[in-house]
């Protein structure tokens, strides 16, 4: 009798546990198969299983334009597309999707939406596999797409490991503007790469080592090239029959990754693609030879995606080509134009250098004299920006001179010497202290700072950036929130910090108009202190170049604006031998 009772209790516990798991999975819906009716946190769900989640999300919505493909399609920026076309696109890409999955998604949207246009980014790996096994909850297609039994499909997720649901609830408690692994999608289906695009990139060799480009590249077989081409042919016909404009792109891939494939097989696939439809070809260009244009060997940066759209919609001539007949792919050994240089950091000029941030007038002149005699010109950050983002050029050898804080000695001592030697500099004043010789709201003496009027006088030689309006303070006060740097304070909410940063920026920009045109382009972090959140907000408020104080050489690449982030600087003191940094 006791044994029977035990069995009953045991199975009752199992049933209750199963019920709890099922309820938890429905409430949290970590894979977004039940509509995410309770948490409504789609970005997380897209990450867990975008193949199902994105289909669930777009149900009932009036999308007419789509991007389809695997992870390479994630670098086609939808915002840029809308600028060119006036149309909102939903990016229906999913990680690891082969052309079987892509075709299934196309069939679904053609049946359920009034589709106007489809962009289909393709790559050589499209021919690696076809209709591969999907045995993970992260990769099952939505049953409305796959045709799978809905009962079997939902049962898989109903009784899934509850840790996924628990992880989602934990992640919701840590929601932030800084994207993490659990929160990387935007609601247009795009992969949010905001944190990846503000990282310091540096030299080609360092980047290769850091990002895993120096791996052993084993050879790969394009075993499903025919399957892939037939799928593309069917998709082209389906779009033609439905009156849908299909734009096909062959996407770039790092050269060493491309080299894993047999050249003859690649060329055969390429020609087969051209027989099906004209396409935009972005392979075999100089950009494939520089790893810094890729997040990893197989995935190109959003910067290249933007350039691809410029070629398609704005007539860019130096990247890619339109292939409308069968011909061979392109190959080049060239690399994008790039520059190496140093940024020199100074502060105050005085007869009595009390610390490493003060130098004498004689020392400063010796630096300028050395640069002049050795034909090392100085450039502005505007020059750097125009070089990276446009057609502007830079000399092979140059440097940048900067001053922090806005001391009046920049006006009385540095400015005349810069004019004497025909050189330039950039100054980052603290807005609140401009024109003062007393610490704000106190009677404490400080080194005098130049005024807005004096700044305007210097504008023929000096470029001005920002060192904040008042987020670089020395003394606490009950009149303001004490901030030594522009980073979030310990215990400060993200909302409060973002509001403070934006308000500070607005004050500085208003003051900036008194002595310079436009808006400041470059932001020098007080004490060089930054993190992912501060960089994200700095980008949002309009700073295109950011500086720290970590010493070292800088590397910028034409066409890659990410190389203008977190630049390094060499502090100049009385002992500095400038010849070491030629």
Protein backbone atom coordinates (compact mmCIF):
# COMPACT_ATOMS: atom_id res chain seq x y z
CA UNK A 1 0.00 0.00 0.00
CA UNK A 2 2.81 2.36 0.91
CA UNK A 3 4.56 1.48 -2.33
CA UNK A 4 1.43 2.36 -4.34
CA UNK A 5 1.08 5.64 -2.47
CA UNK A 6 4.74 6.44 -3.13
CA UNK A 7 4.32 5.80 -6.85
CA UNK A 8 1.25 8.01 -6.93
CA UNK A 9 3.06 10.82 -5.14
CA UNK A 10 6.10 10.38 -7.37
CA UNK A 11 4.11 10.67 -10.57
CA UNK A 12 2.10 13.56 -9.14
CA UNK A 13 5.36 15.39 -8.41
CA UNK A 14 6.59 14.68 -11.93
CA UNK A 15 3.33 16.01 -13.33
CA UNK A 16 3.47 19.13 -11.16
CA UNK A 17 7.11 19.71 -12.11
CA UNK A 18 6.28 19.32 -15.80
CA UNK A 19 3.38 21.73 -15.37
CA UNK A 20 5.62 24.29 -13.64
CA UNK A 21 8.21 23.99 -16.41
CA UNK A 22 5.53 24.39 -19.06
CA UNK A 23 4.01 27.46 -17.37
CA UNK A 24 7.46 29.00 -16.90
CA UNK A 25 8.34 28.46 -20.56
CA UNK A 26 5.05 29.96 -21.72
CA UNK A 27 5.36 32.99 -19.42
CA UNK A 28 9.02 33.72 -20.24
CA UNK A 29 8.86 32.37 -23.80
CA UNK A 30 12.68 32.47 -24.16
CA UNK A 31 12.53 31.33 -27.80
CA UNK A 32 9.45 33.35 -28.80
CA UNK A 33 7.38 30.43 -30.04
CA UNK A 34 4.31 31.37 -27.99
CA UNK A 35 4.14 35.01 -29.09
CA UNK A 36 5.99 36.46 -26.08
CA UNK A 37 2.69 37.78 -24.76
CA UNK A 38 3.89 38.51 -21.24
CA UNK A 39 7.46 39.89 -21.33
CA UNK A 40 7.30 41.51 -24.79
CA UNK A 41 11.09 41.47 -24.99
CA UNK A 42 11.63 40.57 -28.57
CA UNK A 43 15.28 41.43 -28.87
CA UNK A 44 16.19 38.66 -26.48
CA UNK A 45 13.98 36.20 -28.27
CA UNK A 46 15.46 37.03 -31.63
CA UNK A 47 18.81 36.03 -30.22
CA UNK A 48 17.61 32.68 -28.89
CA UNK A 49 15.90 31.51 -32.07
CA UNK A 50 15.61 34.13 -34.78
CA UNK A 51 14.29 31.58 -37.28
CA UNK A 52 11.09 31.22 -35.29
CA UNK A 53 11.06 34.49 -33.38
CA UNK A 54 11.26 36.82 -36.35
CA UNK A 55 8.38 35.08 -38.09
CA UNK A 56 6.30 35.36 -34.93
CA UNK A 57 7.20 39.03 -34.57
CA UNK A 58 6.22 40.06 -38.11
CA UNK A 59 2.87 38.26 -38.02
CA UNK A 60 0.11 40.83 -38.39
CA UNK A 61 2.55 43.56 -39.42
CA UNK A 62 2.51 45.21 -42.82
CA UNK A 63 6.02 44.57 -44.08
CA UNK A 64 6.60 44.81 -47.83
CA UNK A 65 10.39 44.78 -48.12
CA UNK A 66 12.75 42.16 -46.75
CA UNK A 67 16.39 41.16 -46.45
CA UNK A 68 16.86 37.39 -46.48
CA UNK A 69 19.95 35.29 -45.79
CA UNK A 70 22.41 33.98 -43.26
CA UNK A 71 24.49 35.98 -40.78
CA UNK A 72 26.32 37.86 -43.54
CA UNK A 73 23.02 39.62 -44.30
CA UNK A 74 23.18 41.16 -40.81
CA UNK A 75 25.66 43.78 -42.04
CA UNK A 76 23.27 45.36 -44.54
CA UNK A 77 22.12 48.46 -42.59
CA UNK A 78 18.35 48.90 -42.82
CA UNK A 79 18.53 52.60 -41.87
CA UNK A 80 20.78 53.29 -44.85
CA UNK A 81 18.47 51.27 -47.09
CA UNK A 82 15.52 53.41 -46.06
CA UNK A 83 17.48 56.59 -46.84
CA UNK A 84 18.13 55.39 -50.38
CA UNK A 85 14.83 53.69 -51.16
CA UNK A 86 12.29 55.38 -48.89
CA UNK A 87 11.19 51.89 -47.83
CA UNK A 88 11.31 50.15 -44.46
CA UNK A 89 13.02 46.77 -44.63
CA UNK A 90 12.78 43.89 -42.19
CA UNK A 91 15.97 41.87 -41.93
CA UNK A 92 14.86 38.24 -41.86
CA UNK A 93 18.38 36.81 -41.69
CA UNK A 94 19.19 34.03 -39.24
CA UNK A 95 22.47 32.59 -38.01
CA UNK A 96 23.79 29.61 -39.93
CA UNK A 97 20.90 29.57 -42.39
CA UNK A 98 21.54 27.65 -45.60
CA UNK A 99 19.63 28.37 -48.81
CA UNK A 100 17.02 25.76 -47.92
CA UNK A 101 16.03 27.89 -44.91
CA UNK A 102 16.24 31.10 -46.95
CA UNK A 103 13.99 29.69 -49.67
CA UNK A 104 11.45 28.52 -47.07
CA UNK A 105 11.36 32.03 -45.61
CA UNK A 106 10.91 33.54 -49.06
CA UNK A 107 8.01 31.20 -49.82
CA UNK A 108 6.40 32.19 -46.53
CA UNK A 109 6.61 35.95 -47.03
CA UNK A 110 5.46 35.72 -50.66
CA UNK A 111 2.36 33.83 -49.51
CA UNK A 112 1.57 36.04 -46.53
CA UNK A 113 2.70 39.56 -47.46
CA UNK A 114 2.33 42.00 -50.33
CA UNK A 115 6.06 41.91 -50.99
CA UNK A 116 7.57 44.67 -53.12
CA UNK A 117 11.28 43.89 -52.94
CA UNK A 118 13.74 41.38 -51.55
CA UNK A 119 17.48 41.80 -51.03
CA UNK A 120 19.33 38.49 -51.07
CA UNK A 121 22.94 38.65 -49.80
CA UNK A 122 24.84 35.51 -50.83
CA UNK A 123 28.32 34.22 -50.11
CA UNK A 124 30.60 31.34 -51.05
CA UNK A 125 29.63 29.38 -47.87
CA UNK A 126 26.09 29.23 -49.32
CA UNK A 127 27.38 26.22 -51.28
CA UNK A 128 28.79 24.36 -48.27
CA UNK A 129 25.57 22.69 -47.09
CA UNK A 130 21.92 22.40 -47.96
CA UNK A 131 18.98 21.37 -45.77
CA UNK A 132 21.30 20.48 -42.93
CA UNK A 133 20.08 18.97 -39.67
CA UNK A 134 18.46 21.31 -37.18
CA UNK A 135 18.52 19.55 -33.83
CA UNK A 136 18.76 22.53 -31.49
CA UNK A 137 15.95 24.66 -30.09
CA UNK A 138 17.93 27.66 -31.31
CA UNK A 139 17.64 26.61 -34.96
CA UNK A 140 14.20 25.11 -35.63
CA UNK A 141 12.21 26.99 -38.24
CA UNK A 142 8.79 28.34 -37.42
CA UNK A 143 6.26 25.55 -38.23
CA UNK A 144 4.34 27.98 -40.45
CA UNK A 145 7.49 28.15 -42.54
CA UNK A 146 8.78 24.58 -42.32
CA UNK A 147 5.41 22.76 -42.50
CA UNK A 148 6.37 20.72 -39.41
CA UNK A 149 3.68 19.41 -37.10
CA UNK A 150 2.76 22.27 -34.78
CA UNK A 151 1.98 19.89 -31.92
CA UNK A 152 5.45 18.34 -32.03
CA UNK A 153 7.04 21.74 -32.49
CA UNK A 154 5.36 23.35 -29.48
CA UNK A 155 5.97 20.33 -27.26
CA UNK A 156 9.73 20.74 -27.80
CA UNK A 157 9.58 24.26 -26.39
CA UNK A 158 6.88 23.68 -23.81
CA UNK A 159 9.10 21.29 -21.88
CA UNK A 160 12.45 22.84 -22.75
CA UNK A 161 15.13 23.20 -20.09
CA UNK A 162 13.78 25.92 -17.74
CA UNK A 163 17.22 27.50 -17.43
CA UNK A 164 16.50 29.38 -20.66
CA UNK A 165 13.42 30.97 -19.10
CA UNK A 166 15.31 31.75 -15.88
CA UNK A 167 18.18 33.29 -17.90
CA UNK A 168 15.72 35.53 -19.69
CA UNK A 169 14.24 36.84 -16.43
CA UNK A 170 17.75 37.47 -15.11
CA UNK A 171 18.72 39.25 -18.30
CA UNK A 172 15.65 41.47 -18.08
CA UNK A 173 16.92 42.68 -14.72
CA UNK A 174 20.19 43.79 -16.36
CA UNK A 175 18.70 45.54 -19.38
CA UNK A 176 21.00 48.25 -20.63
CA UNK A 177 21.81 50.39 -23.64
CA UNK A 178 25.04 48.41 -23.78
CA UNK A 179 24.26 45.35 -25.82
CA UNK A 180 25.15 41.98 -24.35
CA UNK A 181 24.93 38.46 -25.68
CA UNK A 182 21.30 38.19 -24.61
CA UNK A 183 20.23 41.43 -26.26
CA UNK A 184 21.61 42.07 -29.71
CA UNK A 185 18.69 42.48 -32.09
CA UNK A 186 16.73 45.55 -33.08
CA UNK A 187 13.03 45.34 -33.85
CA UNK A 188 13.66 45.64 -37.58
CA UNK A 189 15.44 42.29 -37.35
CA UNK A 190 18.92 43.82 -37.55
CA UNK A 191 21.78 42.68 -35.39
CA UNK A 192 22.78 45.58 -33.16
CA UNK A 193 26.54 45.93 -33.50
CA UNK A 194 26.84 49.26 -31.69
CA UNK A 195 29.39 47.91 -29.22
CA UNK A 196 31.42 46.12 -31.87
CA UNK A 197 31.63 49.32 -33.92
CA UNK A 198 33.15 51.45 -31.17
CA UNK A 199 35.98 49.10 -30.25
CA UNK A 200 39.58 50.18 -30.74
CA UNK A 201 40.81 48.50 -33.89
CA UNK A 202 44.50 49.36 -34.09
CA UNK A 203 47.11 47.79 -36.36
CA UNK A 204 46.36 45.07 -38.88
CA UNK A 205 48.62 42.53 -37.15
CA UNK A 206 47.30 43.20 -33.64
CA UNK A 207 43.72 43.00 -34.90
CA UNK A 208 44.36 39.69 -36.66
CA UNK A 209 45.79 38.18 -33.49
CA UNK A 210 43.07 39.54 -31.22
CA UNK A 211 40.12 38.50 -33.42
CA UNK A 212 41.30 35.03 -34.36
CA UNK A 213 42.41 35.64 -37.96
CA UNK A 214 45.69 33.82 -37.41
CA UNK A 215 44.03 30.42 -37.35
CA UNK A 216 44.69 27.28 -39.34
CA UNK A 217 42.49 27.61 -42.42
CA UNK A 218 41.53 24.07 -43.43
CA UNK A 219 40.27 23.49 -46.95
CA UNK A 220 36.53 23.32 -47.55
CA UNK A 221 34.49 21.59 -50.25
CA UNK A 222 31.60 23.31 -51.99
CA UNK A 223 29.64 20.06 -51.84
CA UNK A 224 26.20 21.60 -52.33
CA UNK A 225 26.93 24.17 -55.02
CA UNK A 226 24.35 22.66 -57.38
CA UNK A 227 21.70 22.55 -54.61
CA UNK A 228 22.44 26.18 -53.77
CA UNK A 229 22.24 27.32 -57.38
CA UNK A 230 18.97 25.48 -57.94
CA UNK A 231 17.51 27.10 -54.81
CA UNK A 232 18.59 30.53 -56.09
CA UNK A 233 17.05 29.75 -59.47
CA UNK A 234 13.73 28.83 -57.82
CA UNK A 235 13.79 31.96 -55.68
CA UNK A 236 14.45 34.13 -58.72
CA UNK A 237 11.50 32.56 -60.55
CA UNK A 238 9.24 32.90 -57.50
CA UNK A 239 10.04 36.62 -57.24
CA UNK A 240 9.59 37.15 -60.97
CA UNK A 241 6.23 35.36 -60.92
CA UNK A 242 5.08 37.50 -57.99
CA UNK A 243 6.33 40.76 -59.54
CA UNK A 244 8.84 41.20 -56.70
CA UNK A 245 12.12 43.01 -57.32
CA UNK A 246 14.99 40.72 -56.30
CA UNK A 247 18.43 42.25 -55.69
CA UNK A 248 21.21 39.71 -55.31
CA UNK A 249 24.53 40.54 -53.67
CA UNK A 250 27.67 38.42 -53.52
CA UNK A 251 29.23 39.49 -50.23
CA UNK A 252 32.88 40.01 -49.29
CA UNK A 253 34.83 37.57 -47.15
CA UNK A 254 38.33 37.84 -45.72
CA UNK A 255 40.92 36.63 -48.24
CA UNK A 256 42.28 33.79 -46.09
CA UNK A 257 38.74 32.49 -45.58
CA UNK A 258 38.11 32.61 -49.32
CA UNK A 259 41.38 30.76 -49.92
CA UNK A 260 39.93 27.74 -48.08
CA UNK A 261 37.83 27.00 -51.16
CA UNK A 262 39.04 25.48 -54.43
CA UNK A 263 39.46 28.29 -56.95
CA UNK A 264 37.90 26.31 -59.80
CA UNK A 265 34.85 25.47 -57.67
CA UNK A 266 34.44 29.13 -56.69
CA UNK A 267 34.62 30.26 -60.29
CA UNK A 268 32.11 27.62 -61.39
CA UNK A 269 29.69 28.74 -58.66
CA UNK A 270 30.23 32.36 -59.64
CA UNK A 271 29.45 31.69 -63.30
CA UNK A 272 26.43 29.60 -62.35
CA UNK A 273 25.10 32.51 -60.32
CA UNK A 274 25.55 34.88 -63.27
CA UNK A 275 23.57 32.50 -65.50
CA UNK A 276 20.58 32.75 -63.17
CA UNK A 277 20.47 36.49 -62.67
CA UNK A 278 22.53 39.68 -62.76
CA UNK A 279 23.99 40.44 -59.33
CA UNK A 280 26.14 42.91 -57.46
CA UNK A 281 29.58 41.48 -56.84
CA UNK A 282 31.57 42.72 -53.83
CA UNK A 283 34.21 39.99 -53.81
CA UNK A 284 37.82 40.13 -54.93
CA UNK A 285 38.29 43.76 -53.88
CA UNK A 286 41.04 45.41 -51.83
CA UNK A 287 38.80 45.40 -48.76
CA UNK A 288 38.96 41.61 -48.52
CA UNK A 289 42.70 41.90 -47.97
CA UNK A 290 42.44 43.92 -44.74
CA UNK A 291 41.03 42.00 -41.75
CA UNK A 292 39.91 45.20 -40.04
CA UNK A 293 36.91 45.36 -42.38
CA UNK A 294 35.66 42.12 -40.81
CA UNK A 295 34.36 41.24 -37.34
CA UNK A 296 35.81 37.78 -37.89
CA UNK A 297 37.11 35.97 -40.99
CA UNK A 298 33.62 35.21 -42.32
CA UNK A 299 31.61 38.31 -41.35
CA UNK A 300 32.14 41.74 -42.86
CA UNK A 301 31.56 44.94 -40.91
CA UNK A 302 28.55 47.23 -41.21
CA UNK A 303 30.97 49.76 -42.73
CA UNK A 304 31.32 47.51 -45.79
CA UNK A 305 27.56 46.99 -45.86
CA UNK A 306 27.11 50.74 -46.02
CA UNK A 307 29.64 51.00 -48.84
CA UNK A 308 27.80 48.24 -50.73
CA UNK A 309 24.59 50.27 -50.58
CA UNK A 310 26.48 53.37 -51.75
CA UNK A 311 27.57 51.40 -54.80
CA UNK A 312 24.07 50.09 -55.56
CA UNK A 313 22.06 53.23 -54.88
CA UNK A 314 24.47 56.18 -55.00
CA UNK A 315 26.78 55.31 -57.87
CA UNK A 316 29.94 54.63 -55.87
CA UNK A 317 32.63 53.57 -58.36
CA UNK A 318 35.52 52.21 -56.28
CA UNK A 319 33.86 49.19 -54.68
CA UNK A 320 32.11 46.28 -56.34
CA UNK A 321 30.55 45.87 -59.77
CA UNK A 322 27.31 44.87 -61.43
CA UNK A 323 27.63 41.48 -63.13
CA UNK A 324 25.10 41.06 -65.94
CA UNK A 325 26.92 38.42 -67.98
CA UNK A 326 28.96 35.34 -67.30
CA UNK A 327 32.53 36.36 -66.50
CA UNK A 328 35.33 35.48 -64.12
CA UNK A 329 35.50 36.84 -60.57
CA UNK A 330 37.95 39.58 -59.70
CA UNK A 331 41.16 39.12 -57.74
CA UNK A 332 43.48 41.78 -56.35
CA UNK A 333 46.46 41.93 -54.02
CA UNK A 334 45.89 45.61 -53.22
CA UNK A 335 44.87 46.87 -49.78
CA UNK A 336 42.80 49.89 -48.71
CA UNK A 337 44.73 53.09 -48.08
CA UNK A 338 45.78 53.44 -44.44
CA UNK A 339 47.91 55.65 -42.20
CA UNK A 340 49.94 55.31 -39.00
CA UNK A 341 50.54 58.29 -36.74
CA UNK A 342 50.97 59.64 -33.22
CA UNK A 343 48.81 62.07 -31.29
CA UNK A 344 50.70 64.23 -28.79
CA UNK A 345 48.96 65.33 -25.59
CA UNK A 346 49.85 68.54 -23.76
CA UNK A 347 48.16 70.69 -21.15
CA UNK A 348 49.78 73.80 -19.67
CA UNK A 349 52.92 75.79 -20.55
CA UNK A 350 54.72 77.45 -17.63
CA UNK A 351 58.19 78.49 -16.47
CA UNK A 352 57.93 76.10 -13.52
CA UNK A 353 56.77 72.59 -14.60
CA UNK A 354 55.40 71.24 -11.33
CA UNK A 355 54.25 67.94 -12.83
CA UNK A 356 54.31 65.83 -15.98
CA UNK A 357 51.40 67.78 -17.47
CA UNK A 358 53.23 71.10 -17.58
CA UNK A 359 56.09 71.95 -19.92
CA UNK A 360 58.17 75.03 -20.53
CA UNK A 361 57.82 77.29 -23.53
CA UNK A 362 61.31 76.24 -24.59
CA UNK A 363 60.38 72.56 -24.54
CA UNK A 364 57.27 73.17 -26.61
CA UNK A 365 59.23 75.17 -29.16
CA UNK A 366 61.82 72.40 -29.41
CA UNK A 367 59.02 69.95 -30.28
CA UNK A 368 57.69 72.24 -33.01
CA UNK A 369 61.18 72.89 -34.34
CA UNK A 370 61.86 69.16 -34.59
CA UNK A 371 58.59 68.55 -36.47
CA UNK A 372 59.33 71.38 -38.88
CA UNK A 373 62.93 70.38 -39.56
CA UNK A 374 61.97 66.75 -40.13
CA UNK A 375 59.04 67.53 -42.43
CA UNK A 376 56.40 66.10 -40.11
CA UNK A 377 53.25 68.17 -40.71
CA UNK A 378 50.45 68.54 -38.18
CA UNK A 379 46.86 67.81 -39.17
CA UNK A 380 43.46 68.32 -37.58
CA UNK A 381 40.91 65.71 -36.60
CA UNK A 382 38.69 67.07 -39.36
CA UNK A 383 41.48 66.08 -41.75
CA UNK A 384 41.48 62.56 -40.28
CA UNK A 385 37.70 62.32 -40.50
CA UNK A 386 37.59 63.52 -44.10
CA UNK A 387 40.33 61.06 -45.04
CA UNK A 388 38.54 58.09 -43.50
CA UNK A 389 35.06 59.02 -44.68
CA UNK A 390 35.67 60.65 -48.05
CA UNK A 391 38.06 61.44 -50.84
CA UNK A 392 40.47 63.61 -48.84
CA UNK A 393 44.13 62.63 -48.67
CA UNK A 394 46.73 62.71 -45.92
CA UNK A 395 50.52 62.80 -46.10
CA UNK A 396 52.33 59.53 -45.45
CA UNK A 397 53.94 61.04 -42.38
CA UNK A 398 52.19 63.42 -39.98
CA UNK A 399 51.14 63.91 -36.36
CA UNK A 400 48.40 65.58 -34.31
CA UNK A 401 49.10 68.02 -31.45
CA UNK A 402 46.46 68.34 -28.72
CA UNK A 403 46.00 70.41 -25.56
CA UNK A 404 43.56 69.45 -22.81
CA UNK A 405 41.57 71.66 -20.40
CA UNK A 406 41.92 75.07 -22.06
CA UNK A 407 44.69 76.85 -20.13
CA UNK A 408 45.36 80.45 -21.14
CA UNK A 409 49.00 79.52 -21.84
CA UNK A 410 47.61 77.79 -24.93
CA UNK A 411 46.66 81.28 -26.14
CA UNK A 412 49.64 83.29 -24.87
CA UNK A 413 52.44 80.78 -25.50
CA UNK A 414 51.39 77.88 -27.75
CA UNK A 415 49.33 79.83 -30.27
CA UNK A 416 52.11 82.28 -31.31
CA UNK A 417 54.63 79.44 -31.60
CA UNK A 418 52.30 77.34 -33.74
CA UNK A 419 51.86 80.31 -36.08
CA UNK A 420 55.62 80.88 -36.15
CA UNK A 421 56.29 77.33 -37.35
CA UNK A 422 53.22 77.04 -39.57
CA UNK A 423 51.78 74.15 -37.56
CA UNK A 424 48.34 73.32 -36.15
CA UNK A 425 46.86 71.93 -32.96
CA UNK A 426 43.55 70.87 -31.43
CA UNK A 427 42.44 72.12 -28.02
CA UNK A 428 39.86 70.47 -25.77
CA UNK A 429 38.65 73.09 -23.27
CA UNK A 430 36.40 72.39 -20.32
CA UNK A 431 33.46 74.67 -21.05
CA UNK A 432 32.69 75.72 -17.48
CA UNK A 433 36.21 77.00 -16.80
CA UNK A 434 36.72 79.03 -19.98
CA UNK A 435 37.89 82.56 -19.11
CA UNK A 436 38.30 81.79 -15.39
CA UNK A 437 41.26 82.03 -12.99
CA UNK A 438 39.22 80.87 -9.98
CA UNK A 439 37.70 77.43 -9.57
CA UNK A 440 33.95 77.72 -10.36
CA UNK A 441 31.77 78.73 -7.40
CA UNK A 442 34.84 79.08 -5.12
CA UNK A 443 37.66 81.51 -4.36
CA UNK A 444 40.32 78.87 -5.11
CA UNK A 445 43.04 80.03 -7.49
CA UNK A 446 43.61 77.97 -10.64
CA UNK A 447 45.80 78.39 -13.68
CA UNK A 448 43.98 80.90 -15.86
CA UNK A 449 41.93 79.52 -18.77
CA UNK A 450 41.41 81.24 -22.12
CA UNK A 451 38.04 82.84 -22.91
CA UNK A 452 35.63 82.14 -25.76
CA UNK A 453 36.79 85.41 -27.36
CA UNK A 454 40.42 84.30 -27.22
CA UNK A 455 39.46 80.91 -28.58
CA UNK A 456 37.87 82.58 -31.58
CA UNK A 457 41.10 84.50 -32.20
CA UNK A 458 43.00 81.22 -32.36
CA UNK A 459 40.67 79.53 -34.85
CA UNK A 460 43.00 80.20 -37.80
CA UNK A 461 45.47 77.72 -36.33
CA UNK A 462 43.47 75.85 -33.70
CA UNK A 463 40.72 73.26 -34.07
CA UNK A 464 38.48 72.84 -31.01
CA UNK A 465 36.99 69.67 -29.63
CA UNK A 466 35.24 68.89 -26.36
CA UNK A 467 36.55 67.93 -22.94
CA UNK A 468 32.97 68.20 -21.57
CA UNK A 469 31.26 71.32 -20.29
CA UNK A 470 31.53 70.33 -16.64
CA UNK A 471 32.24 66.61 -16.22
CA UNK A 472 35.91 67.10 -15.40
CA UNK A 473 35.88 68.52 -11.88
CA UNK A 474 38.53 68.75 -9.19
CA UNK A 475 36.61 69.59 -6.01
CA UNK A 476 33.29 68.23 -4.66
CA UNK A 477 30.51 70.71 -4.04
CA UNK A 478 26.90 70.64 -2.92
CA UNK A 479 26.11 72.79 -5.98
CA UNK A 480 26.70 69.99 -8.48
CA UNK A 481 27.09 66.24 -8.83
CA UNK A 482 30.81 65.67 -8.51
CA UNK A 483 32.32 64.06 -11.63
CA UNK A 484 36.02 63.73 -12.32
CA UNK A 485 35.32 61.96 -15.60
CA UNK A 486 32.55 61.46 -18.13
CA UNK A 487 31.88 57.89 -17.04
CA UNK A 488 28.86 56.75 -15.04
CA UNK A 489 29.30 57.18 -11.29
CA UNK A 490 29.17 54.14 -8.96
CA UNK A 491 25.55 53.38 -8.15
CA UNK A 492 24.24 55.92 -10.69
CA UNK A 493 21.34 54.73 -12.80
CA UNK A 494 21.87 54.46 -16.52
CA UNK A 495 18.97 56.83 -17.13
CA UNK A 496 20.41 59.53 -14.85
CA UNK A 497 23.86 59.21 -16.38
CA UNK A 498 22.68 59.38 -19.98
CA UNK A 499 20.56 62.46 -19.15
CA UNK A 500 23.56 64.13 -17.46
CA UNK A 501 25.90 63.39 -20.39
CA UNK A 502 23.43 64.71 -22.95
CA UNK A 503 22.70 67.86 -20.94
CA UNK A 504 26.41 68.50 -20.48
CA UNK A 505 26.97 68.05 -24.22
CA UNK A 506 24.15 70.46 -25.06
CA UNK A 507 25.71 73.13 -22.81
CA UNK A 508 29.11 72.68 -24.41
CA UNK A 509 27.71 72.82 -27.94
CA UNK A 510 25.88 76.07 -27.12
CA UNK A 511 29.14 77.60 -25.83
CA UNK A 512 31.08 76.18 -28.78
CA UNK A 513 29.06 78.32 -31.19
CA UNK A 514 30.62 81.42 -29.61
CA UNK A 515 34.10 80.56 -30.90
CA UNK A 516 33.77 77.95 -33.66
CA UNK A 517 31.52 76.95 -36.55
CA UNK A 518 29.26 73.93 -36.61
CA UNK A 519 29.56 71.37 -33.84
CA UNK A 520 32.59 69.73 -32.21
CA UNK A 521 33.71 66.63 -34.07
CA UNK A 522 36.03 65.08 -31.51
CA UNK A 523 35.71 64.25 -27.80
CA UNK A 524 38.66 63.82 -25.45
CA UNK A 525 37.65 61.78 -22.42
CA UNK A 526 38.65 63.44 -19.13
CA UNK A 527 41.51 61.36 -17.70
CA UNK A 528 41.03 59.03 -20.66
CA UNK A 529 38.30 57.23 -18.74
CA UNK A 530 35.60 55.58 -20.85
CA UNK A 531 33.54 52.42 -21.19
CA UNK A 532 31.02 50.90 -23.58
CA UNK A 533 28.17 53.09 -22.36
CA UNK A 534 30.09 56.38 -22.53
CA UNK A 535 31.28 55.55 -26.06
CA UNK A 536 27.74 54.69 -27.12
CA UNK A 537 26.36 58.00 -25.85
CA UNK A 538 29.29 59.98 -27.26
CA UNK A 539 28.46 58.51 -30.67
CA UNK A 540 24.77 59.25 -30.22
CA UNK A 541 25.35 62.95 -29.41
CA UNK A 542 27.47 63.40 -32.50
CA UNK A 543 31.14 62.86 -31.64
CA UNK A 544 32.79 61.06 -34.56
CA UNK A 545 36.26 60.81 -33.04
CA UNK A 546 37.07 59.86 -29.43
CA UNK A 547 40.38 60.03 -27.56
CA UNK A 548 41.77 58.33 -24.50
CA UNK A 549 45.18 58.76 -22.88
CA UNK A 550 46.61 55.28 -23.34
CA UNK A 551 50.00 55.72 -25.03
CA UNK A 552 50.70 54.24 -28.43
CA UNK A 553 50.54 54.60 -32.19
CA UNK A 554 47.24 55.03 -34.04
CA UNK A 555 46.06 53.36 -37.24
CA UNK A 556 43.29 54.65 -39.47
CA UNK A 557 41.91 53.06 -42.63
CA UNK A 558 40.10 54.81 -45.46
CA UNK A 559 36.49 53.68 -45.49
CA UNK A 560 36.51 52.43 -41.89
CA UNK A 561 35.20 55.10 -39.46
CA UNK A 562 35.57 52.66 -36.55
CA UNK A 563 39.32 53.34 -36.67
CA UNK A 564 38.63 56.84 -35.30
CA UNK A 565 37.45 55.50 -31.92
CA UNK A 566 39.44 55.38 -28.67
CA UNK A 567 42.57 56.86 -30.21
CA UNK A 568 45.80 56.81 -28.21
CA UNK A 569 47.97 59.75 -27.17
CA UNK A 570 51.56 60.35 -26.12
CA UNK A 571 51.90 62.76 -23.20
CA UNK A 572 54.68 65.32 -23.73
CA UNK A 573 56.66 66.32 -20.65
CA UNK A 574 60.06 67.91 -20.16
CA UNK A 575 61.86 64.58 -20.59
CA UNK A 576 60.04 63.40 -23.73
CA UNK A 577 62.27 62.70 -26.71
CA UNK A 578 60.00 63.53 -29.64
CA UNK A 579 62.34 61.74 -32.08
CA UNK A 580 61.19 58.42 -30.64
CA UNK A 581 57.77 58.96 -32.21
CA UNK A 582 58.64 59.78 -35.77
